[in-house]
Amino acid sequence: MGTLHTKASLYRFTALDALAVAVYLGFTVYFTVSGEAVERLMLQLFTDPATASYAVNAIFYAGVGIFAVASAWRVVGRDLKILGTRPWFTLGMIPLAIVVMLILTALLVAAFGTAQSSENQLGIQGLLQHVPAWLMVPLLVVLGPFVEEYLFRHLLIGKLSQHVNIWICCVISVLVFASIHVVGREGLVLSALAPYLGMAAVLVAVYVWTGKNLMFSYFVHAAKNLMAVVLIYAVPPELLSK
């Protein structure tokens, strides 16, 4: 009985969850509406545009991340203990999940036509070409994936499924995750959505399959981002610009 009560308490929406979502949405709306003003302010503090853009992203994810960690630390501890009981399973399934993600993404891109890079993707590539790896890895591999898994898997599936059918939550998670990475001047273009739809579908699948294990989906997400970062830093800049 106590175990069931403890598990239920881990999936109740809390004031910290509300604060994390409010900060995420507040930053998103503010940067969307007042993006030019923020950019001018950051350029006064940092003369290099890439450094200014990095600072904006770091503030954004750190602001949300504080509340995400404060809210989910008990779930993080529980999930790490579970994964620690089967380390070889964890180490083997992470690369397999990434392979499945790449295959599914390729199929979706082929189905939707020529792949189109979103503003989000182009912005990240621009940062990676001008900001050193020791700054980008903590943001793109450590902080960013945790914030996104907390919001789009832990909240939208783990907690929301206590009130809404879990499969509806999974669809919402996939669509919101993909859309939030694409919405910009280009709008919701299917060719730009395809990579994020494939990524979201696999992250949702592994999260549900492992019994709503936040840390497993986080490790898959982080590993995928790390692979992308390593590849971009390994490719000469002149080839990326072609």
Protein backbone atom coordinates (compact mmCIF):
# COMPACT_ATOMS: atom_id res chain seq x y z
CA MET A 1 0.00 0.00 0.00
CA GLY A 2 2.84 2.34 0.90
CA THR A 3 4.61 1.58 -2.38
CA LEU A 4 1.49 2.42 -4.40
CA HIS A 5 1.07 5.67 -2.46
CA THR A 6 4.71 6.61 -3.07
CA LYS A 7 4.43 5.85 -6.78
CA ALA A 8 1.23 7.88 -7.08
CA SER A 9 2.87 10.84 -5.34
CA LEU A 10 5.69 10.83 -7.92
CA TYR A 11 3.14 11.43 -10.69
CA ARG A 12 1.09 14.20 -9.11
CA PHE A 13 1.35 17.65 -10.65
CA THR A 14 3.03 20.02 -8.22
CA ALA A 15 3.65 23.74 -7.86
CA LEU A 16 7.22 23.15 -9.11
CA ASP A 17 5.83 21.56 -12.28
CA ALA A 18 3.62 24.59 -12.80
CA LEU A 19 6.59 26.92 -12.30
CA ALA A 20 8.74 24.93 -14.74
CA VAL A 21 6.02 25.04 -17.41
CA ALA A 22 5.34 28.73 -16.74
CA VAL A 23 9.03 29.59 -17.09
CA TYR A 24 9.32 27.51 -20.27
CA LEU A 25 6.25 29.07 -21.89
CA GLY A 26 7.12 32.53 -20.58
CA PHE A 27 10.63 32.41 -22.01
CA THR A 28 9.34 30.97 -25.30
CA VAL A 29 6.69 33.66 -25.74
CA TYR A 30 9.01 36.46 -24.62
CA PHE A 31 11.85 35.42 -26.92
CA THR A 32 9.38 34.98 -29.80
CA VAL A 33 7.71 38.36 -29.32
CA SER A 34 10.74 40.35 -28.17
CA GLY A 35 13.47 38.37 -29.89
CA GLU A 36 15.10 41.41 -31.50
CA ALA A 37 15.16 43.34 -28.22
CA VAL A 38 16.74 40.36 -26.43
CA GLU A 39 19.28 40.01 -29.23
CA ARG A 40 20.24 43.71 -28.97
CA LEU A 41 20.62 43.41 -25.19
CA MET A 42 22.81 40.32 -25.47
CA LEU A 43 24.95 41.95 -28.16
CA GLN A 44 25.65 44.77 -25.71
CA LEU A 45 26.91 42.20 -23.22
CA PHE A 46 28.61 39.91 -25.74
CA THR A 47 30.03 41.40 -28.93
CA ASP A 48 30.04 38.03 -30.69
CA PRO A 49 26.54 37.11 -32.03
CA ALA A 50 27.16 33.38 -31.49
CA THR A 51 28.13 33.93 -27.86
CA ALA A 52 25.04 36.11 -27.38
CA SER A 53 22.81 33.40 -28.85
CA TYR A 54 24.45 30.78 -26.64
CA ALA A 55 23.84 32.94 -23.56
CA VAL A 56 20.13 33.25 -24.41
CA ASN A 57 19.80 29.46 -24.78
CA ALA A 58 21.79 28.81 -21.60
CA ILE A 59 19.60 31.19 -19.59
CA PHE A 60 16.46 29.63 -21.07
CA TYR A 61 17.35 26.02 -20.25
CA ALA A 62 18.98 26.81 -16.90
CA GLY A 63 15.88 28.74 -15.83
CA VAL A 64 13.59 25.81 -16.61
CA GLY A 65 16.14 23.22 -15.49
CA ILE A 66 16.26 24.52 -11.92
CA PHE A 67 12.55 23.80 -11.43
CA ALA A 68 12.72 20.55 -13.45
CA VAL A 69 15.46 19.11 -11.22
CA ALA A 70 13.77 20.35 -8.05
CA SER A 71 10.52 18.68 -9.10
CA ALA A 72 11.83 15.41 -10.54
CA TRP A 73 14.79 14.54 -8.29
CA ARG A 74 12.95 11.66 -6.58
CA VAL A 75 11.95 10.18 -9.94
CA VAL A 76 15.53 10.60 -11.18
CA GLY A 77 16.88 8.72 -8.16
CA ARG A 78 14.35 5.91 -8.50
CA ASP A 79 14.93 5.51 -12.25
CA LEU A 80 18.72 5.47 -11.91
CA LYS A 81 18.44 2.71 -9.30
CA ILE A 82 16.24 0.68 -11.66
CA LEU A 83 18.67 1.10 -14.56
CA GLY A 84 21.55 0.23 -12.24
CA THR A 85 20.06 -3.22 -11.66
CA ARG A 86 20.44 -4.02 -15.37
CA PRO A 87 23.41 -1.98 -16.69
CA TRP A 88 24.08 -4.17 -19.74
CA PHE A 89 20.47 -3.83 -20.86
CA THR A 90 20.73 -0.05 -20.54
CA LEU A 91 24.06 0.16 -22.38
CA GLY A 92 22.84 -2.09 -25.16
CA MET A 93 19.41 -0.56 -25.67
CA ILE A 94 20.55 3.07 -25.91
CA PRO A 95 22.49 2.63 -29.20
CA LEU A 96 19.75 0.34 -30.53
CA ALA A 97 17.15 3.04 -29.83
CA ILE A 98 19.29 5.58 -31.70
CA VAL A 99 19.58 3.24 -34.70
CA VAL A 100 15.80 2.80 -34.74
CA MET A 101 15.43 6.57 -34.46
CA LEU A 102 17.69 7.16 -37.47
CA ILE A 103 15.86 4.55 -39.55
CA LEU A 104 12.42 5.92 -38.66
CA THR A 105 13.58 9.47 -39.37
CA ALA A 106 14.92 8.43 -42.78
CA LEU A 107 11.60 6.76 -43.62
CA LEU A 108 9.61 9.84 -42.56
CA VAL A 109 11.88 12.18 -44.52
CA ALA A 110 11.46 9.97 -47.59
CA ALA A 111 7.68 9.96 -47.12
CA PHE A 112 7.41 13.74 -46.66
CA GLY A 113 9.84 14.66 -49.44
CA THR A 114 13.17 16.47 -49.34
CA ALA A 115 14.31 17.20 -45.81
CA GLN A 116 14.12 20.84 -44.80
CA SER A 117 16.15 22.26 -41.93
CA SER A 118 14.13 24.17 -39.34
CA GLU A 119 15.28 27.49 -37.89
CA ASN A 120 16.00 25.64 -34.65
CA GLN A 121 18.30 23.18 -36.40
CA LEU A 122 20.06 25.89 -38.41
CA GLY A 123 20.54 27.95 -35.25
CA ILE A 124 22.13 25.02 -33.43
CA GLN A 125 24.42 24.28 -36.36
CA GLY A 126 25.47 27.93 -36.38
CA LEU A 127 26.28 27.79 -32.67
CA LEU A 128 28.27 24.59 -33.08
CA GLN A 129 30.41 26.25 -35.73
CA HIS A 130 31.32 29.21 -33.51
CA VAL A 131 31.04 28.08 -29.87
CA PRO A 132 33.60 25.62 -28.39
CA ALA A 133 32.56 22.07 -27.55
CA TRP A 134 33.19 22.49 -23.82
CA LEU A 135 30.35 25.03 -23.75
CA MET A 136 27.98 23.28 -26.17
CA VAL A 137 28.11 19.79 -24.64
CA PRO A 138 26.70 20.84 -21.24
CA LEU A 139 23.86 22.70 -22.99
CA LEU A 140 22.94 20.27 -25.78
CA VAL A 141 23.86 16.96 -24.17
CA VAL A 142 23.28 17.46 -20.44
CA LEU A 143 20.82 20.27 -19.71
CA GLY A 144 18.68 20.51 -22.85
CA PRO A 145 17.71 16.82 -23.09
CA PHE A 146 16.84 16.63 -19.39
CA VAL A 147 14.56 19.67 -19.57
CA GLU A 148 12.83 18.32 -22.67
CA GLU A 149 12.39 14.79 -21.32
CA TYR A 150 11.00 16.21 -18.08
CA LEU A 151 8.50 18.39 -19.95
CA PHE A 152 7.50 16.21 -22.89
CA ARG A 153 7.75 12.74 -21.37
CA HIS A 154 7.54 13.01 -17.56
CA LEU A 155 4.82 15.69 -17.50
CA LEU A 156 2.94 15.07 -20.74
CA ILE A 157 2.92 11.27 -20.35
CA GLY A 158 3.98 10.26 -16.85
CA LYS A 159 1.80 12.75 -14.99
CA LEU A 160 -0.88 13.61 -17.53
CA SER A 161 -1.66 9.90 -18.06
CA GLN A 162 -3.01 9.82 -14.50
CA HIS A 163 -5.95 11.82 -15.87
CA VAL A 164 -5.96 11.14 -19.65
CA ASN A 165 -5.57 7.92 -21.64
CA ILE A 166 -1.85 7.20 -21.97
CA TRP A 167 -1.98 6.73 -25.76
CA ILE A 168 -3.57 10.14 -26.17
CA CYS A 169 -0.76 11.50 -23.99
CA CYS A 170 1.80 9.80 -26.24
CA VAL A 171 0.34 11.44 -29.35
CA ILE A 172 0.30 14.82 -27.61
CA SER A 173 3.92 14.34 -26.55
CA VAL A 174 5.08 13.51 -30.08
CA LEU A 175 3.20 16.39 -31.71
CA VAL A 176 4.13 19.03 -29.14
CA PHE A 177 7.80 17.98 -29.06
CA ALA A 178 8.09 18.09 -32.86
CA SER A 179 6.14 21.32 -33.23
CA ILE A 180 8.05 23.25 -30.57
CA HIS A 181 11.29 22.53 -32.45
CA VAL A 182 9.94 23.67 -35.80
CA VAL A 183 7.56 26.58 -35.22
CA GLY A 184 9.23 29.72 -36.50
CA ARG A 185 9.19 31.73 -39.65
CA GLU A 186 8.82 28.55 -41.70
CA GLY A 187 5.71 27.37 -39.83
CA LEU A 188 4.75 23.71 -39.46
CA VAL A 189 6.26 22.28 -42.63
CA LEU A 190 6.10 18.47 -42.81
CA SER A 191 9.56 18.18 -44.36
CA ALA A 192 11.01 20.10 -41.39
CA LEU A 193 8.85 18.20 -38.89
CA ALA A 194 9.94 14.75 -40.07
CA PRO A 195 13.25 14.45 -38.14
CA TYR A 196 11.62 15.58 -34.90
CA LEU A 197 8.59 13.33 -35.37
CA GLY A 198 10.89 10.31 -35.73
CA MET A 199 12.95 11.35 -32.72
CA ALA A 200 9.86 12.01 -30.58
CA ALA A 201 8.21 8.72 -31.53
CA VAL A 202 11.23 6.69 -30.38
CA LEU A 203 11.68 8.70 -27.18
CA VAL A 204 8.00 8.20 -26.32
CA ALA A 205 8.26 4.48 -27.13
CA VAL A 206 11.30 3.87 -24.91
CA TYR A 207 9.81 5.95 -22.10
CA VAL A 208 6.58 3.93 -22.04
CA TRP A 209 8.31 0.59 -22.74
CA THR A 210 10.65 1.00 -19.75
CA GLY A 211 7.76 1.73 -17.40
CA LYS A 212 7.94 5.54 -17.63
CA ASN A 213 11.65 5.62 -16.91
CA LEU A 214 12.60 9.27 -17.30
CA MET A 215 16.33 8.63 -17.12
CA PHE A 216 16.33 6.01 -19.86
CA SER A 217 14.61 8.32 -22.36
CA TYR A 218 16.98 11.07 -21.17
CA PHE A 219 20.04 8.91 -21.85
CA VAL A 220 18.75 8.08 -25.35
CA HIS A 221 18.06 11.75 -26.05
CA ALA A 222 21.44 12.84 -24.67
CA ALA A 223 23.30 10.15 -26.62
CA LYS A 224 21.58 11.17 -29.85
CA ASN A 225 22.48 14.83 -29.28
CA LEU A 226 26.07 13.87 -28.40
CA MET A 227 26.37 11.95 -31.65
CA ALA A 228 25.12 14.98 -33.59
CA VAL A 229 27.52 17.32 -31.76
CA VAL A 230 30.51 15.05 -32.37
CA LEU A 231 29.67 14.70 -36.08
CA ILE A 232 29.26 18.44 -36.57
CA TYR A 233 32.53 19.25 -34.78
CA ALA A 234 34.28 16.51 -36.75
CA VAL A 235 33.10 17.85 -40.15
CA PRO A 236 35.08 20.83 -41.47
CA PRO A 237 32.99 24.06 -41.44
CA GLU A 238 33.49 24.59 -45.19
CA LEU A 239 31.67 21.33 -45.92
CA LEU A 240 28.69 22.32 -43.75
CA SER A 241 28.35 25.61 -45.59
CA LYS A 242 28.07 23.93 -49.00
